[in-house]
ModelCIF file with pLDDT and N, C-alpha, C, O atoms, coordinates in Angstrom:
data_MODEL
#
_entry.id   MODEL 
#
_entity.id                         1 
_entity.type                       polymer 
_entity.pdbx_number_of_molecules   1 
#
_entity_poly.entity_id                      1 
_entity_poly.type                           'polypeptide(L)' 
_entity_poly.nstd_linkage                   no 
_entity_poly.nstd_monomer                   no 
_entity_poly.pdbx_seq_one_letter_code       NGKPFIANSNQGDGASMWWPCKDHMYDEPDSMLMSVN 
_entity_poly.pdbx_seq_one_letter_code_can   NGKPFIANSNQGDGASMWWPCKDHMYDEPDSMLMSVN 
_entity_poly.pdbx_strand_id                 A 
#
loop_
_entity_poly_seq.entity_id 
_entity_poly_seq.num 
_entity_poly_seq.mon_id 
_entity_poly_seq.hetero 
1 1  ASN n 
1 2  GLY n 
1 3  LYS n 
1 4  PRO n 
1 5  PHE n 
1 6  ILE n 
1 7  ALA n 
1 8  ASN n 
1 9  SER n 
1 10 ASN n 
1 11 GLN n 
1 12 GLY n 
1 13 ASP n 
1 14 GLY n 
1 15 ALA n 
1 16 SER n 
1 17 MET n 
1 18 TRP n 
1 19 TRP n 
1 20 PRO n 
1 21 CYS n 
1 22 LYS n 
1 23 ASP n 
1 24 HIS n 
1 25 MET n 
1 26 TYR n 
1 27 ASP n 
1 28 GLU n 
1 29 PRO n 
1 30 ASP n 
1 31 SER n 
1 32 MET n 
1 33 LEU n 
1 34 MET n 
1 35 SER n 
1 36 VAL n 
1 37 ASN n 
#
_struct_asym.id          A 
_struct_asym.entity_id   1 
#
loop_
_ma_qa_metric.id 
_ma_qa_metric.mode 
_ma_qa_metric.name 
_ma_qa_metric.software_group_id 
_ma_qa_metric.type 
1 global pLDDT . pLDDT 
2 local  pLDDT . pLDDT 
#
_ma_qa_metric_global.metric_id      1 
_ma_qa_metric_global.metric_value   97.54 
_ma_qa_metric_global.model_id       1 
_ma_qa_metric_global.ordinal_id     1 
#
loop_
_ma_qa_metric_local.label_asym_id 
_ma_qa_metric_local.label_comp_id 
_ma_qa_metric_local.label_seq_id 
_ma_qa_metric_local.metric_id 
_ma_qa_metric_local.metric_value 
_ma_qa_metric_local.model_id 
_ma_qa_metric_local.ordinal_id 
A ASN 1  2 97.00 1 1  
A GLY 2  2 98.00 1 2  
A LYS 3  2 98.00 1 3  
A PRO 4  2 98.00 1 4  
A PHE 5  2 98.00 1 5  
A ILE 6  2 98.00 1 6  
A ALA 7  2 98.00 1 7  
A ASN 8  2 98.00 1 8  
A SER 9  2 97.00 1 9  
A ASN 10 2 96.00 1 10 
A GLN 11 2 94.00 1 11 
A GLY 12 2 93.00 1 12 
A ASP 13 2 96.00 1 13 
A GLY 14 2 96.00 1 14 
A ALA 15 2 98.00 1 15 
A SER 16 2 98.00 1 16 
A MET 17 2 98.00 1 17 
A TRP 18 2 98.00 1 18 
A TRP 19 2 98.00 1 19 
A PRO 20 2 98.00 1 20 
A CYS 21 2 98.00 1 21 
A LYS 22 2 98.00 1 22 
A ASP 23 2 98.00 1 23 
A HIS 24 2 98.00 1 24 
A MET 25 2 98.00 1 25 
A TYR 26 2 98.00 1 26 
A ASP 27 2 98.00 1 27 
A GLU 28 2 98.00 1 28 
A PRO 29 2 98.00 1 29 
A ASP 30 2 98.00 1 30 
A SER 31 2 98.00 1 31 
A MET 32 2 98.00 1 32 
A LEU 33 2 98.00 1 33 
A MET 34 2 98.00 1 34 
A SER 35 2 98.00 1 35 
A VAL 36 2 98.00 1 36 
A ASN 37 2 98.00 1 37 
#
loop_
_atom_site.group_PDB 
_atom_site.id 
_atom_site.type_symbol 
_atom_site.label_atom_id 
_atom_site.label_alt_id 
_atom_site.label_comp_id 
_atom_site.label_asym_id 
_atom_site.label_entity_id 
_atom_site.label_seq_id 
_atom_site.pdbx_PDB_ins_code 
_atom_site.Cartn_x 
_atom_site.Cartn_y 
_atom_site.Cartn_z 
_atom_site.occupancy 
_atom_site.B_iso_or_equiv 
_atom_site.pdbx_formal_charge 
_atom_site.auth_seq_id 
_atom_site.auth_comp_id 
_atom_site.auth_asym_id 
_atom_site.auth_atom_id 
_atom_site.pdbx_PDB_model_num 
ATOM 1   N N  . ASN A 1 1  ? 51.367 85.183 -31.298 1.00 97.00 ? 1  ASN A N  1 
ATOM 2   C CA . ASN A 1 1  ? 51.438 85.386 -29.852 1.00 97.00 ? 1  ASN A CA 1 
ATOM 3   C C  . ASN A 1 1  ? 52.522 84.537 -29.199 1.00 97.00 ? 1  ASN A C  1 
ATOM 4   O O  . ASN A 1 1  ? 52.637 84.505 -27.974 1.00 97.00 ? 1  ASN A O  1 
ATOM 5   N N  . GLY A 1 2  ? 53.316 83.848 -30.019 1.00 98.00 ? 2  GLY A N  1 
ATOM 6   C CA . GLY A 1 2  ? 54.395 83.031 -29.492 1.00 98.00 ? 2  GLY A CA 1 
ATOM 7   C C  . GLY A 1 2  ? 53.979 81.651 -29.025 1.00 98.00 ? 2  GLY A C  1 
ATOM 8   O O  . GLY A 1 2  ? 54.777 80.935 -28.421 1.00 98.00 ? 2  GLY A O  1 
ATOM 9   N N  . LYS A 1 3  ? 52.730 81.264 -29.297 1.00 98.00 ? 3  LYS A N  1 
ATOM 10  C CA . LYS A 1 3  ? 52.268 79.947 -28.860 1.00 98.00 ? 3  LYS A CA 1 
ATOM 11  C C  . LYS A 1 3  ? 52.535 78.894 -29.936 1.00 98.00 ? 3  LYS A C  1 
ATOM 12  O O  . LYS A 1 3  ? 52.519 79.211 -31.126 1.00 98.00 ? 3  LYS A O  1 
ATOM 13  N N  . PRO A 1 4  ? 52.782 77.643 -29.528 1.00 98.00 ? 4  PRO A N  1 
ATOM 14  C CA . PRO A 1 4  ? 53.079 76.576 -30.494 1.00 98.00 ? 4  PRO A CA 1 
ATOM 15  C C  . PRO A 1 4  ? 51.974 76.407 -31.526 1.00 98.00 ? 4  PRO A C  1 
ATOM 16  O O  . PRO A 1 4  ? 50.789 76.549 -31.225 1.00 98.00 ? 4  PRO A O  1 
ATOM 17  N N  . PHE A 1 5  ? 52.391 76.098 -32.753 1.00 98.00 ? 5  PHE A N  1 
ATOM 18  C CA . PHE A 1 5  ? 51.481 75.920 -33.885 1.00 98.00 ? 5  PHE A CA 1 
ATOM 19  C C  . PHE A 1 5  ? 52.058 74.764 -34.702 1.00 98.00 ? 5  PHE A C  1 
ATOM 20  O O  . PHE A 1 5  ? 53.057 74.936 -35.401 1.00 98.00 ? 5  PHE A O  1 
ATOM 21  N N  . ILE A 1 6  ? 51.434 73.591 -34.617 1.00 98.00 ? 6  ILE A N  1 
ATOM 22  C CA . ILE A 1 6  ? 52.044 72.343 -35.071 1.00 98.00 ? 6  ILE A CA 1 
ATOM 23  C C  . ILE A 1 6  ? 51.070 71.580 -35.954 1.00 98.00 ? 6  ILE A C  1 
ATOM 24  O O  . ILE A 1 6  ? 49.870 71.553 -35.681 1.00 98.00 ? 6  ILE A O  1 
ATOM 25  N N  . ALA A 1 7  ? 51.582 70.957 -37.016 1.00 98.00 ? 7  ALA A N  1 
ATOM 26  C CA . ALA A 1 7  ? 50.734 70.129 -37.874 1.00 98.00 ? 7  ALA A CA 1 
ATOM 27  C C  . ALA A 1 7  ? 51.605 69.186 -38.689 1.00 98.00 ? 7  ALA A C  1 
ATOM 28  O O  . ALA A 1 7  ? 52.802 69.416 -38.866 1.00 98.00 ? 7  ALA A O  1 
ATOM 29  N N  . ASN A 1 8  ? 50.985 68.125 -39.179 1.00 98.00 ? 8  ASN A N  1 
ATOM 30  C CA . ASN A 1 8  ? 51.669 67.185 -40.080 1.00 98.00 ? 8  ASN A CA 1 
ATOM 31  C C  . ASN A 1 8  ? 51.202 67.408 -41.510 1.00 98.00 ? 8  ASN A C  1 
ATOM 32  O O  . ASN A 1 8  ? 50.116 67.939 -41.742 1.00 98.00 ? 8  ASN A O  1 
ATOM 33  N N  . SER A 1 9  ? 52.031 66.999 -42.468 1.00 97.00 ? 9  SER A N  1 
ATOM 34  C CA . SER A 1 9  ? 51.651 66.930 -43.887 1.00 97.00 ? 9  SER A CA 1 
ATOM 35  C C  . SER A 1 9  ? 52.577 65.905 -44.516 1.00 97.00 ? 9  SER A C  1 
ATOM 36  O O  . SER A 1 9  ? 53.798 66.030 -44.424 1.00 97.00 ? 9  SER A O  1 
ATOM 37  N N  . ASN A 1 10 ? 52.002 64.888 -45.158 1.00 96.00 ? 10 ASN A N  1 
ATOM 38  C CA . ASN A 1 10 ? 52.867 63.783 -45.579 1.00 96.00 ? 10 ASN A CA 1 
ATOM 39  C C  . ASN A 1 10 ? 52.359 62.975 -46.766 1.00 96.00 ? 10 ASN A C  1 
ATOM 40  O O  . ASN A 1 10 ? 52.690 61.795 -46.888 1.00 96.00 ? 10 ASN A O  1 
ATOM 41  N N  . GLN A 1 11 ? 51.558 63.586 -47.650 1.00 94.00 ? 11 GLN A N  1 
ATOM 42  C CA . GLN A 1 11 ? 51.157 62.839 -48.839 1.00 94.00 ? 11 GLN A CA 1 
ATOM 43  C C  . GLN A 1 11 ? 52.392 62.522 -49.669 1.00 94.00 ? 11 GLN A C  1 
ATOM 44  O O  . GLN A 1 11 ? 53.274 63.364 -49.840 1.00 94.00 ? 11 GLN A O  1 
ATOM 45  N N  . GLY A 1 12 ? 52.442 61.314 -50.176 1.00 93.00 ? 12 GLY A N  1 
ATOM 46  C CA . GLY A 1 12 ? 53.589 60.888 -50.983 1.00 93.00 ? 12 GLY A CA 1 
ATOM 47  C C  . GLY A 1 12 ? 54.688 60.326 -50.114 1.00 93.00 ? 12 GLY A C  1 
ATOM 48  O O  . GLY A 1 12 ? 55.068 59.166 -50.277 1.00 93.00 ? 12 GLY A O  1 
ATOM 49  N N  . ASP A 1 13 ? 55.208 61.118 -49.192 1.00 96.00 ? 13 ASP A N  1 
ATOM 50  C CA . ASP A 1 13 ? 56.254 60.630 -48.300 1.00 96.00 ? 13 ASP A CA 1 
ATOM 51  C C  . ASP A 1 13 ? 55.730 59.559 -47.354 1.00 96.00 ? 13 ASP A C  1 
ATOM 52  O O  . ASP A 1 13 ? 56.459 58.630 -47.006 1.00 96.00 ? 13 ASP A O  1 
ATOM 53  N N  . GLY A 1 14 ? 54.488 59.677 -46.940 1.00 96.00 ? 14 GLY A N  1 
ATOM 54  C CA . GLY A 1 14 ? 53.890 58.616 -46.160 1.00 96.00 ? 14 GLY A CA 1 
ATOM 55  C C  . GLY A 1 14 ? 53.595 58.967 -44.724 1.00 96.00 ? 14 GLY A C  1 
ATOM 56  O O  . GLY A 1 14 ? 54.364 59.669 -44.067 1.00 96.00 ? 14 GLY A O  1 
ATOM 57  N N  . ALA A 1 15 ? 52.453 58.465 -44.236 1.00 98.00 ? 15 ALA A N  1 
ATOM 58  C CA . ALA A 1 15 ? 52.058 58.670 -42.853 1.00 98.00 ? 15 ALA A CA 1 
ATOM 59  C C  . ALA A 1 15 ? 53.031 58.028 -41.886 1.00 98.00 ? 15 ALA A C  1 
ATOM 60  O O  . ALA A 1 15 ? 53.143 58.461 -40.739 1.00 98.00 ? 15 ALA A O  1 
ATOM 61  N N  . SER A 1 16 ? 53.738 56.995 -42.335 1.00 98.00 ? 16 SER A N  1 
ATOM 62  C CA . SER A 1 16 ? 54.688 56.301 -41.461 1.00 98.00 ? 16 SER A CA 1 
ATOM 63  C C  . SER A 1 16 ? 55.886 57.164 -41.117 1.00 98.00 ? 16 SER A C  1 
ATOM 64  O O  . SER A 1 16 ? 56.789 56.711 -40.413 1.00 98.00 ? 16 SER A O  1 
ATOM 65  N N  . MET A 1 17 ? 55.913 58.404 -41.600 1.00 98.00 ? 17 MET A N  1 
ATOM 66  C CA . MET A 1 17 ? 56.918 59.351 -41.137 1.00 98.00 ? 17 MET A CA 1 
ATOM 67  C C  . MET A 1 17 ? 56.713 59.682 -39.658 1.00 98.00 ? 17 MET A C  1 
ATOM 68  O O  . MET A 1 17 ? 57.662 60.027 -38.954 1.00 98.00 ? 17 MET A O  1 
ATOM 69  N N  . TRP A 1 18 ? 55.455 59.573 -39.190 1.00 98.00 ? 18 TRP A N  1 
ATOM 70  C CA . TRP A 1 18 ? 55.188 59.969 -37.805 1.00 98.00 ? 18 TRP A CA 1 
ATOM 71  C C  . TRP A 1 18 ? 54.317 58.996 -37.010 1.00 98.00 ? 18 TRP A C  1 
ATOM 72  O O  . TRP A 1 18 ? 54.189 59.143 -35.794 1.00 98.00 ? 18 TRP A O  1 
ATOM 73  N N  . TRP A 1 19 ? 53.721 58.013 -37.668 1.00 98.00 ? 19 TRP A N  1 
ATOM 74  C CA . TRP A 1 19 ? 53.015 56.968 -36.920 1.00 98.00 ? 19 TRP A CA 1 
ATOM 75  C C  . TRP A 1 19 ? 53.071 55.647 -37.676 1.00 98.00 ? 19 TRP A C  1 
ATOM 76  O O  . TRP A 1 19 ? 53.035 55.642 -38.906 1.00 98.00 ? 19 TRP A O  1 
ATOM 77  N N  . PRO A 1 20 ? 53.159 54.511 -36.954 1.00 98.00 ? 20 PRO A N  1 
ATOM 78  C CA . PRO A 1 20 ? 53.305 53.204 -37.592 1.00 98.00 ? 20 PRO A CA 1 
ATOM 79  C C  . PRO A 1 20 ? 51.978 52.729 -38.164 1.00 98.00 ? 20 PRO A C  1 
ATOM 80  O O  . PRO A 1 20 ? 50.942 52.821 -37.506 1.00 98.00 ? 20 PRO A O  1 
ATOM 81  N N  . CYS A 1 21 ? 52.015 52.223 -39.386 1.00 98.00 ? 21 CYS A N  1 
ATOM 82  C CA . CYS A 1 21 ? 50.771 51.855 -40.045 1.00 98.00 ? 21 CYS A CA 1 
ATOM 83  C C  . CYS A 1 21 ? 51.058 50.948 -41.232 1.00 98.00 ? 21 CYS A C  1 
ATOM 84  O O  . CYS A 1 21 ? 52.211 50.645 -41.537 1.00 98.00 ? 21 CYS A O  1 
ATOM 85  N N  . LYS A 1 22 ? 50.012 50.529 -41.881 1.00 98.00 ? 22 LYS A N  1 
ATOM 86  C CA . LYS A 1 22 ? 50.106 49.842 -43.164 1.00 98.00 ? 22 LYS A CA 1 
ATOM 87  C C  . LYS A 1 22 ? 50.114 50.946 -44.215 1.00 98.00 ? 22 LYS A C  1 
ATOM 88  O O  . LYS A 1 22 ? 49.065 51.389 -44.682 1.00 98.00 ? 22 LYS A O  1 
ATOM 89  N N  . ASP A 1 23 ? 51.314 51.378 -44.574 1.00 98.00 ? 23 ASP A N  1 
ATOM 90  C CA . ASP A 1 23 ? 51.455 52.627 -45.328 1.00 98.00 ? 23 ASP A CA 1 
ATOM 91  C C  . ASP A 1 23 ? 51.407 52.386 -46.832 1.00 98.00 ? 23 ASP A C  1 
ATOM 92  O O  . ASP A 1 23 ? 52.387 52.593 -47.548 1.00 98.00 ? 23 ASP A O  1 
ATOM 93  N N  . HIS A 1 24 ? 50.256 51.951 -47.281 1.00 98.00 ? 24 HIS A N  1 
ATOM 94  C CA . HIS A 1 24 ? 49.981 51.805 -48.718 1.00 98.00 ? 24 HIS A CA 1 
ATOM 95  C C  . HIS A 1 24 ? 48.532 52.187 -48.944 1.00 98.00 ? 24 HIS A C  1 
ATOM 96  O O  . HIS A 1 24 ? 47.661 51.865 -48.136 1.00 98.00 ? 24 HIS A O  1 
ATOM 97  N N  . MET A 1 25 ? 48.276 52.876 -50.050 1.00 98.00 ? 25 MET A N  1 
ATOM 98  C CA . MET A 1 25 ? 46.967 53.482 -50.260 1.00 98.00 ? 25 MET A CA 1 
ATOM 99  C C  . MET A 1 25 ? 45.863 52.487 -50.615 1.00 98.00 ? 25 MET A C  1 
ATOM 100 O O  . MET A 1 25 ? 44.684 52.835 -50.563 1.00 98.00 ? 25 MET A O  1 
ATOM 101 N N  . TYR A 1 26 ? 46.229 51.253 -50.974 1.00 98.00 ? 26 TYR A N  1 
ATOM 102 C CA . TYR A 1 26 ? 45.202 50.329 -51.450 1.00 98.00 ? 26 TYR A CA 1 
ATOM 103 C C  . TYR A 1 26 ? 44.248 49.888 -50.345 1.00 98.00 ? 26 TYR A C  1 
ATOM 104 O O  . TYR A 1 26 ? 43.122 49.474 -50.621 1.00 98.00 ? 26 TYR A O  1 
ATOM 105 N N  . ASP A 1 27 ? 44.705 49.978 -49.079 1.00 98.00 ? 27 ASP A N  1 
ATOM 106 C CA . ASP A 1 27 ? 43.919 49.474 -47.961 1.00 98.00 ? 27 ASP A CA 1 
ATOM 107 C C  . ASP A 1 27 ? 43.671 50.590 -46.951 1.00 98.00 ? 27 ASP A C  1 
ATOM 108 O O  . ASP A 1 27 ? 44.594 51.306 -46.562 1.00 98.00 ? 27 ASP A O  1 
ATOM 109 N N  . GLU A 1 28 ? 42.418 50.728 -46.531 1.00 98.00 ? 28 GLU A N  1 
ATOM 110 C CA . GLU A 1 28 ? 42.045 51.749 -45.559 1.00 98.00 ? 28 GLU A CA 1 
ATOM 111 C C  . GLU A 1 28 ? 41.288 51.099 -44.409 1.00 98.00 ? 28 GLU A C  1 
ATOM 112 O O  . GLU A 1 28 ? 40.555 50.133 -44.622 1.00 98.00 ? 28 GLU A O  1 
ATOM 113 N N  . PRO A 1 29 ? 41.454 51.612 -43.196 1.00 98.00 ? 29 PRO A N  1 
ATOM 114 C CA . PRO A 1 29 ? 40.616 51.114 -42.097 1.00 98.00 ? 29 PRO A CA 1 
ATOM 115 C C  . PRO A 1 29 ? 39.172 51.564 -42.297 1.00 98.00 ? 29 PRO A C  1 
ATOM 116 O O  . PRO A 1 29 ? 38.913 52.596 -42.916 1.00 98.00 ? 29 PRO A O  1 
ATOM 117 N N  . ASP A 1 30 ? 38.249 50.791 -41.775 1.00 98.00 ? 30 ASP A N  1 
ATOM 118 C CA . ASP A 1 30 ? 36.835 51.150 -41.886 1.00 98.00 ? 30 ASP A CA 1 
ATOM 119 C C  . ASP A 1 30 ? 36.493 52.324 -40.981 1.00 98.00 ? 30 ASP A C  1 
ATOM 120 O O  . ASP A 1 30 ? 35.569 53.088 -41.262 1.00 98.00 ? 30 ASP A O  1 
ATOM 121 N N  . SER A 1 31 ? 37.245 52.463 -39.893 1.00 98.00 ? 31 SER A N  1 
ATOM 122 C CA . SER A 1 31 ? 37.053 53.567 -38.962 1.00 98.00 ? 31 SER A CA 1 
ATOM 123 C C  . SER A 1 31 ? 38.349 53.768 -38.192 1.00 98.00 ? 31 SER A C  1 
ATOM 124 O O  . SER A 1 31 ? 39.263 52.948 -38.269 1.00 98.00 ? 31 SER A O  1 
ATOM 125 N N  . MET A 1 32 ? 38.419 54.879 -37.442 1.00 98.00 ? 32 MET A N  1 
ATOM 126 C CA . MET A 1 32 ? 39.667 55.190 -36.748 1.00 98.00 ? 32 MET A CA 1 
ATOM 127 C C  . MET A 1 32 ? 39.399 56.120 -35.569 1.00 98.00 ? 32 MET A C  1 
ATOM 128 O O  . MET A 1 32 ? 38.595 57.048 -35.653 1.00 98.00 ? 32 MET A O  1 
ATOM 129 N N  . LEU A 1 33 ? 40.096 55.844 -34.471 1.00 98.00 ? 33 LEU A N  1 
ATOM 130 C CA . LEU A 1 33 ? 40.086 56.716 -33.306 1.00 98.00 ? 33 LEU A CA 1 
ATOM 131 C C  . LEU A 1 33 ? 41.475 57.317 -33.131 1.00 98.00 ? 33 LEU A C  1 
ATOM 132 O O  . LEU A 1 33 ? 42.476 56.600 -33.156 1.00 98.00 ? 33 LEU A O  1 
ATOM 133 N N  . MET A 1 34 ? 41.535 58.635 -32.953 1.00 98.00 ? 34 MET A N  1 
ATOM 134 C CA . MET A 1 34 ? 42.794 59.326 -32.708 1.00 98.00 ? 34 MET A CA 1 
ATOM 135 C C  . MET A 1 34 ? 42.734 59.982 -31.338 1.00 98.00 ? 34 MET A C  1 
ATOM 136 O O  . MET A 1 34 ? 41.874 60.825 -31.083 1.00 98.00 ? 34 MET A O  1 
ATOM 137 N N  . SER A 1 35 ? 43.651 59.592 -30.455 1.00 98.00 ? 35 SER A N  1 
ATOM 138 C CA . SER A 1 35 ? 43.762 60.173 -29.121 1.00 98.00 ? 35 SER A CA 1 
ATOM 139 C C  . SER A 1 35 ? 45.086 60.917 -29.064 1.00 98.00 ? 35 SER A C  1 
ATOM 140 O O  . SER A 1 35 ? 46.153 60.305 -29.111 1.00 98.00 ? 35 SER A O  1 
ATOM 141 N N  . VAL A 1 36 ? 45.015 62.234 -28.963 1.00 98.00 ? 36 VAL A N  1 
ATOM 142 C CA . VAL A 1 36 ? 46.208 63.068 -29.088 1.00 98.00 ? 36 VAL A CA 1 
ATOM 143 C C  . VAL A 1 36 ? 46.388 63.881 -27.817 1.00 98.00 ? 36 VAL A C  1 
ATOM 144 O O  . VAL A 1 36 ? 45.520 64.665 -27.431 1.00 98.00 ? 36 VAL A O  1 
ATOM 145 N N  . ASN A 1 37 ? 47.533 63.678 -27.173 1.00 98.00 ? 37 ASN A N  1 
ATOM 146 C CA . ASN A 1 37 ? 47.835 64.347 -25.916 1.00 98.00 ? 37 ASN A CA 1 
ATOM 147 C C  . ASN A 1 37 ? 48.707 65.568 -26.163 1.00 98.00 ? 37 ASN A C  1 
ATOM 148 O O  . ASN A 1 37 ? 49.071 66.269 -25.219 1.00 98.00 ? 37 ASN A O  1 
#
């Protein structure tokens, strides 16, 4: 219908392609809030 259709995919290349983080798999946050405008 011509409407935007957007998503990320970044395994291997890293989440830090689009958001700043501790970009190594050994450490994970216990929880997370995502606010997306």
